[in-house]
Amino acid sequence: MADILTKEEKTSIIESRKKGLSRDKFNFELAIIEENAISTPNSDVLSTTNSQLADINARIAALDAELASLEE
């Protein structure tokens, strides 16, 4: 089956998804800052948030790899 989307359209979609993930990443980073700001940070909250942040970083890396593959 022939590709329906052009390279530029695929790139635009990937960049849009990366932008959304970047927003999520920033929100998690703020959540960590906020949690660390209180007198007794909840280690479970920090652990979960750090795990979610790592997942987002992995997703962004996967999208970067897909972008690179479009350049080949």
N, C-alpha and C. Protein backbone atom coordinates (compact mmCIF):
# COMPACT_ATOMS: atom_id res chain seq x y z
N MET A 1 0.85 -1.19 0.00
CA MET A 1 0.00 0.00 0.00
C MET A 1 0.88 1.24 0.00
N ALA A 2 0.58 2.17 -0.82
CA ALA A 2 1.35 3.41 -0.92
C ALA A 2 1.08 4.29 0.29
N ASP A 3 2.11 5.02 0.69
CA ASP A 3 1.93 5.98 1.78
C ASP A 3 0.98 7.08 1.35
N ILE A 4 0.03 7.37 2.21
CA ILE A 4 -0.93 8.43 1.92
C ILE A 4 -0.38 9.77 2.41
N LEU A 5 0.36 9.73 3.53
CA LEU A 5 0.91 10.95 4.10
C LEU A 5 2.27 11.26 3.48
N THR A 6 2.50 12.52 3.27
CA THR A 6 3.81 12.93 2.78
C THR A 6 4.80 12.95 3.95
N LYS A 7 6.07 13.03 3.61
CA LYS A 7 7.11 13.13 4.63
C LYS A 7 6.88 14.35 5.52
N GLU A 8 6.49 15.46 4.91
CA GLU A 8 6.25 16.69 5.66
C GLU A 8 5.06 16.53 6.61
N GLU A 9 4.02 15.84 6.17
CA GLU A 9 2.86 15.62 7.03
C GLU A 9 3.23 14.73 8.21
N LYS A 10 4.00 13.68 7.94
CA LYS A 10 4.44 12.79 9.02
C LYS A 10 5.30 13.55 10.01
N THR A 11 6.21 14.37 9.49
CA THR A 11 7.07 15.17 10.36
C THR A 11 6.24 16.11 11.22
N SER A 12 5.26 16.73 10.64
CA SER A 12 4.39 17.65 11.37
C SER A 12 3.64 16.93 12.49
N ILE A 13 3.14 15.75 12.21
CA ILE A 13 2.41 14.98 13.21
C ILE A 13 3.34 14.60 14.36
N ILE A 14 4.54 14.13 14.02
CA ILE A 14 5.50 13.75 15.06
C ILE A 14 5.87 14.95 15.90
N GLU A 15 6.14 16.08 15.26
CA GLU A 15 6.50 17.30 16.00
C GLU A 15 5.36 17.74 16.92
N SER A 16 4.14 17.60 16.46
CA SER A 16 2.98 17.95 17.28
C SER A 16 2.89 17.06 18.51
N ARG A 17 3.12 15.77 18.32
CA ARG A 17 3.09 14.83 19.45
C ARG A 17 4.22 15.14 20.43
N LYS A 18 5.41 15.47 19.88
CA LYS A 18 6.53 15.82 20.74
C LYS A 18 6.22 17.07 21.56
N LYS A 19 5.53 18.01 20.95
CA LYS A 19 5.17 19.24 21.68
C LYS A 19 4.24 18.90 22.85
N GLY A 20 3.28 18.04 22.61
CA GLY A 20 2.39 17.62 23.69
C GLY A 20 3.15 16.91 24.80
N LEU A 21 4.07 16.03 24.42
CA LEU A 21 4.87 15.33 25.42
C LEU A 21 5.77 16.31 26.17
N SER A 22 6.26 17.32 25.49
CA SER A 22 7.10 18.33 26.15
C SER A 22 6.29 19.10 27.20
N ARG A 23 5.03 19.37 26.89
CA ARG A 23 4.15 20.01 27.88
C ARG A 23 3.99 19.11 29.10
N ASP A 24 3.72 17.83 28.84
CA ASP A 24 3.56 16.88 29.94
C ASP A 24 4.84 16.79 30.77
N LYS A 25 5.98 16.75 30.08
CA LYS A 25 7.27 16.67 30.76
C LYS A 25 7.46 17.87 31.68
N PHE A 26 7.16 19.06 31.17
CA PHE A 26 7.30 20.27 31.99
C PHE A 26 6.37 20.22 33.20
N ASN A 27 5.16 19.73 33.01
CA ASN A 27 4.22 19.61 34.14
C ASN A 27 4.75 18.64 35.19
N PHE A 28 5.34 17.53 34.77
CA PHE A 28 5.92 16.59 35.74
C PHE A 28 7.11 17.21 36.46
N GLU A 29 7.93 17.96 35.72
CA GLU A 29 9.06 18.64 36.35
C GLU A 29 8.57 19.64 37.41
N LEU A 30 7.50 20.35 37.10
CA LEU A 30 6.92 21.27 38.08
C LEU A 30 6.35 20.53 39.28
N ALA A 31 5.73 19.39 39.03
CA ALA A 31 5.18 18.58 40.13
C ALA A 31 6.29 18.14 41.08
N ILE A 32 7.45 17.78 40.53
CA ILE A 32 8.58 17.39 41.36
C ILE A 32 9.08 18.58 42.18
N ILE A 33 9.17 19.74 41.54
CA ILE A 33 9.59 20.95 42.26
C ILE A 33 8.63 21.24 43.40
N GLU A 34 7.34 21.16 43.11
CA GLU A 34 6.32 21.44 44.13
C GLU A 34 6.39 20.44 45.27
N GLU A 35 6.55 19.18 44.94
CA GLU A 35 6.59 18.16 45.99
C GLU A 35 7.82 18.35 46.87
N ASN A 36 8.93 18.69 46.25
CA ASN A 36 10.16 18.91 47.03
C ASN A 36 10.11 20.19 47.86
N ALA A 37 9.18 21.08 47.54
CA ALA A 37 9.07 22.35 48.26
C ALA A 37 8.37 22.21 49.61
N ILE A 38 7.62 21.15 49.79
CA ILE A 38 6.90 21.01 51.06
C ILE A 38 7.83 20.42 52.13
N SER A 39 7.42 20.59 53.39
CA SER A 39 8.30 20.20 54.49
C SER A 39 8.60 18.70 54.52
N THR A 40 7.65 17.89 54.14
CA THR A 40 7.89 16.43 54.11
C THR A 40 7.39 15.88 52.77
N PRO A 41 8.25 15.93 51.76
CA PRO A 41 7.86 15.41 50.44
C PRO A 41 7.49 13.93 50.53
N ASN A 42 6.48 13.57 49.78
CA ASN A 42 6.02 12.19 49.74
C ASN A 42 6.90 11.42 48.75
N SER A 43 7.66 10.47 49.27
CA SER A 43 8.59 9.73 48.41
C SER A 43 7.86 8.90 47.35
N ASP A 44 6.65 8.44 47.67
CA ASP A 44 5.87 7.68 46.67
C ASP A 44 5.47 8.59 45.50
N VAL A 45 5.05 9.80 45.82
CA VAL A 45 4.68 10.76 44.77
C VAL A 45 5.90 11.09 43.91
N LEU A 46 7.04 11.32 44.55
CA LEU A 46 8.26 11.63 43.81
C LEU A 46 8.68 10.46 42.93
N SER A 47 8.59 9.26 43.48
CA SER A 47 8.97 8.07 42.71
C SER A 47 8.08 7.89 41.49
N THR A 48 6.78 8.02 41.70
CA THR A 48 5.83 7.87 40.61
C THR A 48 6.03 8.95 39.55
N THR A 49 6.20 10.17 40.00
CA THR A 49 6.38 11.28 39.07
C THR A 49 7.68 11.13 38.29
N ASN A 50 8.76 10.73 38.96
CA ASN A 50 10.02 10.50 38.26
C ASN A 50 9.90 9.37 37.25
N SER A 51 9.14 8.35 37.58
CA SER A 51 8.90 7.24 36.65
C SER A 51 8.14 7.72 35.43
N GLN A 52 7.12 8.54 35.65
CA GLN A 52 6.35 9.09 34.54
C GLN A 52 7.21 9.99 33.67
N LEU A 53 8.10 10.74 34.29
CA LEU A 53 9.02 11.61 33.57
C LEU A 53 9.97 10.78 32.71
N ALA A 54 10.45 9.68 33.25
CA ALA A 54 11.33 8.79 32.48
C ALA A 54 10.59 8.20 31.28
N ASP A 55 9.33 7.84 31.49
CA ASP A 55 8.53 7.30 30.39
C ASP A 55 8.36 8.34 29.27
N ILE A 56 8.12 9.56 29.65
CA ILE A 56 7.96 10.62 28.64
C ILE A 56 9.27 10.83 27.89
N ASN A 57 10.38 10.82 28.61
CA ASN A 57 11.68 10.96 27.94
C ASN A 57 11.90 9.83 26.94
N ALA A 58 11.48 8.62 27.29
CA ALA A 58 11.61 7.48 26.37
C ALA A 58 10.72 7.67 25.15
N ARG A 59 9.53 8.17 25.37
CA ARG A 59 8.61 8.40 24.25
C ARG A 59 9.14 9.48 23.31
N ILE A 60 9.71 10.54 23.88
CA ILE A 60 10.29 11.60 23.06
C ILE A 60 11.47 11.04 22.25
N ALA A 61 12.29 10.21 22.89
CA ALA A 61 13.42 9.60 22.18
C ALA A 61 12.94 8.72 21.04
N ALA A 62 11.85 8.00 21.25
CA ALA A 62 11.29 7.15 20.19
C ALA A 62 10.79 8.00 19.03
N LEU A 63 10.17 9.11 19.33
CA LEU A 63 9.70 10.01 18.27
C LEU A 63 10.88 10.65 17.53
N ASP A 64 11.94 10.97 18.28
CA ASP A 64 13.15 11.50 17.62
C ASP A 64 13.74 10.48 16.66
N ALA A 65 13.73 9.22 17.06
CA ALA A 65 14.24 8.16 16.19
C ALA A 65 13.36 8.03 14.95
N GLU A 66 12.08 8.16 15.13
CA GLU A 66 11.17 8.08 13.97
C GLU A 66 11.41 9.26 13.02
N LEU A 67 11.62 10.43 13.58
CA LEU A 67 11.95 11.59 12.74
C LEU A 67 13.23 11.34 11.96
N ALA A 68 14.22 10.80 12.63
CA ALA A 68 15.49 10.51 11.95
C ALA A 68 15.30 9.51 10.82
N SER A 69 14.42 8.54 11.02
CA SER A 69 14.18 7.54 9.99
C SER A 69 13.50 8.14 8.77
N LEU A 70 12.76 9.21 8.96
CA LEU A 70 12.11 9.87 7.83
C LEU A 70 13.13 10.61 6.98
N GLU A 71 14.27 10.95 7.57
CA GLU A 71 15.31 11.67 6.85
C GLU A 71 16.16 10.75 5.99
N GLU A 72 16.06 9.44 6.20
CA GLU A 72 16.89 8.49 5.44
C GLU A 72 16.41 8.33 4.03
